[in-house]
Amino acid sequence: MHDLDELLSQCANVNAEMNDLQEASRVLSPYAVEPRYPGGDADPTAAEMEEALRLARRMVDFVLDQLPAEVHP
C-alpha cells in the first residue's frame, strides 16, 4: 500500500497520537506514487526534498519511539 493517509488512519485506530502525523502523510503520500508514472509533476525542488526528508524522519522517529525498548533501544 502506498497511501500513507490510509495507513496512518488505520494506525490511528490503535494509537490516536498517530493523527499528529497527518500533515506529514499528506505531503509525503504523492512521493510514493507520482514518480512511478511518466508525465507527472516536475521533479521536486531542493526545498521540497528537504521538507519531505524532514517529515519522513519525523514519521520514522515517531514510529520507532512507539516500539518497546528491546526492539528499539
Protein backbone atom coordinates (compact mmCIF):
# COMPACT_ATOMS: atom_id res chain seq x y z
CA MET A 1 0.00 0.00 0.00
CA HIS A 2 1.34 3.42 -0.94
CA ASP A 3 -1.32 5.61 0.62
CA LEU A 4 0.25 6.96 3.80
CA ASP A 5 -3.02 8.69 4.72
CA GLU A 6 -4.83 5.35 4.74
CA LEU A 7 -2.04 3.61 6.66
CA LEU A 8 -2.00 6.45 9.17
CA SER A 9 -5.76 6.25 9.57
CA GLN A 10 -5.54 2.53 10.30
CA CYS A 11 -2.70 3.07 12.78
CA ALA A 12 -4.63 5.88 14.50
CA ASN A 13 -7.31 3.32 15.36
CA VAL A 14 -4.71 1.73 17.62
CA ASN A 15 -2.81 4.87 18.69
CA ALA A 16 -4.62 8.22 18.38
CA GLU A 17 -1.27 10.06 18.60
CA MET A 18 -0.66 8.95 15.01
CA ASN A 19 -3.10 11.68 13.99
CA ASP A 20 -0.32 14.17 14.76
CA LEU A 21 1.36 12.95 11.58
CA GLN A 22 -1.50 13.77 9.20
CA GLU A 23 0.25 16.77 7.64
CA ALA A 24 3.39 14.72 7.08
CA SER A 25 1.45 11.91 5.42
CA ARG A 26 -0.44 14.37 3.21
CA VAL A 27 2.85 15.82 1.95
CA LEU A 28 4.69 12.50 1.60
CA SER A 29 1.99 10.30 0.01
CA PRO A 30 2.42 11.72 -3.50
CA TYR A 31 6.13 10.85 -3.42
CA ALA A 32 5.21 7.17 -3.11
CA VAL A 33 3.18 7.12 -6.32
CA GLU A 34 3.80 10.04 -8.69
CA PRO A 35 7.45 9.28 -9.59
CA ARG A 36 6.40 5.84 -10.83
CA TYR A 37 4.41 7.20 -13.75
CA PRO A 38 5.62 9.27 -16.69
CA GLY A 39 4.15 12.68 -17.33
CA GLY A 40 3.62 13.52 -13.70
CA ASP A 41 4.61 16.64 -11.89
CA ALA A 42 8.07 18.12 -12.28
CA ASP A 43 10.84 16.90 -10.04
CA PRO A 44 10.69 18.37 -6.53
CA THR A 45 12.82 21.37 -5.72
CA ALA A 46 15.66 21.15 -3.22
CA ALA A 47 13.45 22.83 -0.62
CA GLU A 48 10.64 20.33 -1.24
CA MET A 49 13.07 17.44 -0.93
CA GLU A 50 14.44 18.80 2.34
CA GLU A 51 10.91 19.23 3.70
CA ALA A 52 9.95 15.71 2.62
CA LEU A 53 13.06 14.29 4.28
CA ARG A 54 12.34 16.20 7.49
CA LEU A 55 8.75 14.92 7.55
CA ALA A 56 9.80 11.36 6.76
CA ARG A 57 12.32 11.43 9.61
CA ARG A 58 9.63 12.76 11.92
CA MET A 59 7.34 9.86 10.97
CA VAL A 60 10.09 7.25 11.35
CA ASP A 61 11.19 8.68 14.70
CA PHE A 62 7.61 8.68 15.96
CA VAL A 63 7.09 5.05 14.97
CA LEU A 64 10.43 3.97 16.45
CA ASP A 65 9.55 5.72 19.70
CA GLN A 66 6.42 3.58 19.92
CA LEU A 67 8.39 0.34 19.85
CA PRO A 68 9.46 -1.38 23.05
CA ALA A 69 12.99 -0.66 24.22
CA GLU A 70 14.17 -4.20 23.44
CA VAL A 71 13.23 -3.64 19.77
CA HIS A 72 14.48 -0.05 19.53
CA PRO A 73 16.96 0.81 22.30
